[in-house]
Amino acid sequence: MPDIKILTEAELRRVLALDLDTVECVEKAFKLLATRDVVMPPILSFHVAEYNGEVDVKTA
């Protein structure tokens, strides 16, 4: 299984500009999700038995 890299908000802001192109790309993705047969990755769930908890990550 490949390593999973989790970015902080600050790291994400350094590598991705929140400009018009980015917003249009996200908007297009949501439109496709609502109007076409697209593949949506499943929610990743990690059970943490030691703390009687779990972590859920909604992929996109």
N, C-alpha and C. Protein backbone atom coordinates (compact mmCIF):
# COMPACT_ATOMS: atom_id res chain seq x y z
N MET A 1 0.85 -1.18 0.00
CA MET A 1 0.00 0.00 0.00
C MET A 1 0.89 1.24 0.00
N PRO A 2 0.61 2.21 -0.86
CA PRO A 2 1.46 3.41 -0.91
C PRO A 2 1.27 4.27 0.33
N ASP A 3 2.30 5.05 0.63
CA ASP A 3 2.20 5.99 1.75
C ASP A 3 1.17 7.06 1.43
N ILE A 4 0.47 7.52 2.44
CA ILE A 4 -0.51 8.58 2.29
C ILE A 4 0.08 9.86 2.84
N LYS A 5 0.10 10.90 2.03
CA LYS A 5 0.62 12.21 2.44
C LYS A 5 -0.55 13.10 2.83
N ILE A 6 -0.55 13.57 4.04
CA ILE A 6 -1.59 14.48 4.50
C ILE A 6 -1.00 15.88 4.56
N LEU A 7 -1.62 16.82 3.85
CA LEU A 7 -1.12 18.19 3.80
C LEU A 7 -1.86 19.07 4.80
N THR A 8 -1.13 19.97 5.41
CA THR A 8 -1.77 20.98 6.24
C THR A 8 -2.36 22.04 5.32
N GLU A 9 -3.21 22.88 5.86
CA GLU A 9 -3.76 23.97 5.05
C GLU A 9 -2.65 24.85 4.50
N ALA A 10 -1.66 25.16 5.31
CA ALA A 10 -0.55 26.02 4.86
C ALA A 10 0.22 25.36 3.71
N GLU A 11 0.47 24.05 3.80
CA GLU A 11 1.17 23.35 2.71
C GLU A 11 0.34 23.37 1.44
N LEU A 12 -0.94 23.13 1.57
CA LEU A 12 -1.81 23.13 0.41
C LEU A 12 -1.85 24.50 -0.26
N ARG A 13 -1.92 25.54 0.54
CA ARG A 13 -1.95 26.90 -0.02
C ARG A 13 -0.66 27.25 -0.75
N ARG A 14 0.48 26.65 -0.32
CA ARG A 14 1.76 26.90 -1.00
C ARG A 14 1.81 26.26 -2.39
N VAL A 15 1.11 25.15 -2.59
CA VAL A 15 1.22 24.43 -3.86
C VAL A 15 0.03 24.63 -4.78
N LEU A 16 -1.06 25.22 -4.29
CA LEU A 16 -2.25 25.37 -5.11
C LEU A 16 -2.85 26.75 -4.90
N ALA A 17 -2.89 27.52 -5.97
CA ALA A 17 -3.48 28.86 -5.88
C ALA A 17 -5.00 28.76 -5.97
N LEU A 18 -5.67 29.54 -5.16
CA LEU A 18 -7.13 29.59 -5.21
C LEU A 18 -7.52 30.72 -6.16
N ASP A 19 -7.32 30.44 -7.45
CA ASP A 19 -7.61 31.45 -8.47
C ASP A 19 -8.81 31.00 -9.30
N LEU A 20 -9.16 31.77 -10.29
CA LEU A 20 -10.34 31.47 -11.10
C LEU A 20 -10.23 30.11 -11.79
N ASP A 21 -9.05 29.76 -12.29
CA ASP A 21 -8.87 28.45 -12.95
C ASP A 21 -9.15 27.30 -11.99
N THR A 22 -8.66 27.42 -10.76
CA THR A 22 -8.88 26.37 -9.77
C THR A 22 -10.35 26.25 -9.42
N VAL A 23 -11.00 27.39 -9.19
CA VAL A 23 -12.42 27.38 -8.85
C VAL A 23 -13.24 26.78 -10.00
N GLU A 24 -12.92 27.13 -11.23
CA GLU A 24 -13.64 26.57 -12.38
C GLU A 24 -13.43 25.06 -12.49
N CYS A 25 -12.23 24.59 -12.19
CA CYS A 25 -11.94 23.16 -12.23
C CYS A 25 -12.79 22.41 -11.19
N VAL A 26 -12.84 22.93 -9.98
CA VAL A 26 -13.64 22.31 -8.92
C VAL A 26 -15.13 22.35 -9.29
N GLU A 27 -15.57 23.47 -9.82
CA GLU A 27 -16.97 23.60 -10.24
C GLU A 27 -17.32 22.56 -11.31
N LYS A 28 -16.44 22.39 -12.28
CA LYS A 28 -16.67 21.41 -13.35
C LYS A 28 -16.74 20.00 -12.77
N ALA A 29 -15.87 19.70 -11.81
CA ALA A 29 -15.87 18.36 -11.20
C ALA A 29 -17.19 18.09 -10.50
N PHE A 30 -17.71 19.07 -9.77
CA PHE A 30 -18.99 18.87 -9.09
C PHE A 30 -20.14 18.73 -10.08
N LYS A 31 -20.09 19.47 -11.18
CA LYS A 31 -21.13 19.33 -12.21
C LYS A 31 -21.10 17.94 -12.82
N LEU A 32 -19.90 17.44 -13.11
CA LEU A 32 -19.78 16.10 -13.68
C LEU A 32 -20.27 15.05 -12.69
N LEU A 33 -19.96 15.23 -11.42
CA LEU A 33 -20.42 14.29 -10.41
C LEU A 33 -21.94 14.24 -10.36
N ALA A 34 -22.58 15.38 -10.54
CA ALA A 34 -24.04 15.45 -10.45
C ALA A 34 -24.75 15.01 -11.73
N THR A 35 -24.08 15.08 -12.88
CA THR A 35 -24.78 14.87 -14.15
C THR A 35 -24.28 13.69 -14.97
N ARG A 36 -23.21 13.03 -14.57
CA ARG A 36 -22.66 11.94 -15.37
C ARG A 36 -22.32 10.74 -14.50
N ASP A 37 -22.05 9.66 -15.15
CA ASP A 37 -21.62 8.45 -14.46
C ASP A 37 -20.12 8.57 -14.21
N VAL A 38 -19.75 9.02 -13.03
CA VAL A 38 -18.34 9.20 -12.71
C VAL A 38 -17.92 8.21 -11.63
N VAL A 39 -16.65 8.00 -11.50
CA VAL A 39 -16.12 7.10 -10.48
C VAL A 39 -15.76 7.95 -9.26
N MET A 40 -16.41 7.66 -8.15
CA MET A 40 -16.14 8.37 -6.90
C MET A 40 -15.40 7.43 -5.98
N PRO A 41 -14.18 7.80 -5.57
CA PRO A 41 -13.44 6.92 -4.66
C PRO A 41 -14.20 6.74 -3.35
N PRO A 42 -14.02 5.59 -2.71
CA PRO A 42 -14.74 5.34 -1.46
C PRO A 42 -14.14 6.16 -0.31
N ILE A 43 -14.91 6.27 0.76
CA ILE A 43 -14.41 6.91 1.98
C ILE A 43 -13.39 5.97 2.61
N LEU A 44 -12.24 6.51 2.98
CA LEU A 44 -11.22 5.72 3.66
C LEU A 44 -11.51 5.78 5.15
N SER A 45 -11.52 4.64 5.80
CA SER A 45 -11.82 4.59 7.22
C SER A 45 -10.74 3.81 7.94
N PHE A 46 -10.19 4.41 8.98
CA PHE A 46 -9.15 3.78 9.78
C PHE A 46 -9.67 3.66 11.22
N HIS A 47 -9.77 2.44 11.70
CA HIS A 47 -10.22 2.22 13.06
C HIS A 47 -9.03 2.31 14.00
N VAL A 48 -9.19 3.03 15.09
CA VAL A 48 -8.14 3.22 16.09
C VAL A 48 -8.64 2.58 17.39
N ALA A 49 -8.42 1.29 17.49
CA ALA A 49 -8.95 0.52 18.61
C ALA A 49 -8.44 1.02 19.96
N GLU A 50 -7.19 1.43 20.00
CA GLU A 50 -6.58 1.90 21.25
C GLU A 50 -7.36 3.05 21.88
N TYR A 51 -7.99 3.88 21.04
CA TYR A 51 -8.75 5.03 21.53
C TYR A 51 -10.25 4.88 21.30
N ASN A 52 -10.68 3.68 20.89
CA ASN A 52 -12.08 3.43 20.60
C ASN A 52 -12.62 4.47 19.62
N GLY A 53 -11.86 4.70 18.56
CA GLY A 53 -12.26 5.73 17.60
C GLY A 53 -11.94 5.34 16.18
N GLU A 54 -12.12 6.28 15.31
CA GLU A 54 -11.83 6.06 13.89
C GLU A 54 -11.52 7.41 13.24
N VAL A 55 -10.88 7.30 12.08
CA VAL A 55 -10.59 8.46 11.25
C VAL A 55 -11.22 8.15 9.89
N ASP A 56 -12.03 9.06 9.38
CA ASP A 56 -12.63 8.90 8.07
C ASP A 56 -12.17 10.02 7.15
N VAL A 57 -11.71 9.64 5.95
CA VAL A 57 -11.24 10.61 4.98
C VAL A 57 -12.09 10.48 3.74
N LYS A 58 -12.74 11.56 3.36
CA LYS A 58 -13.53 11.56 2.12
C LYS A 58 -12.60 11.94 0.97
N THR A 59 -12.36 10.98 0.10
CA THR A 59 -11.45 11.18 -1.01
C THR A 59 -12.16 11.90 -2.15
N ALA A 60 -11.37 12.44 -3.03
CA ALA A 60 -11.95 13.13 -4.19
C ALA A 60 -10.97 13.09 -5.33
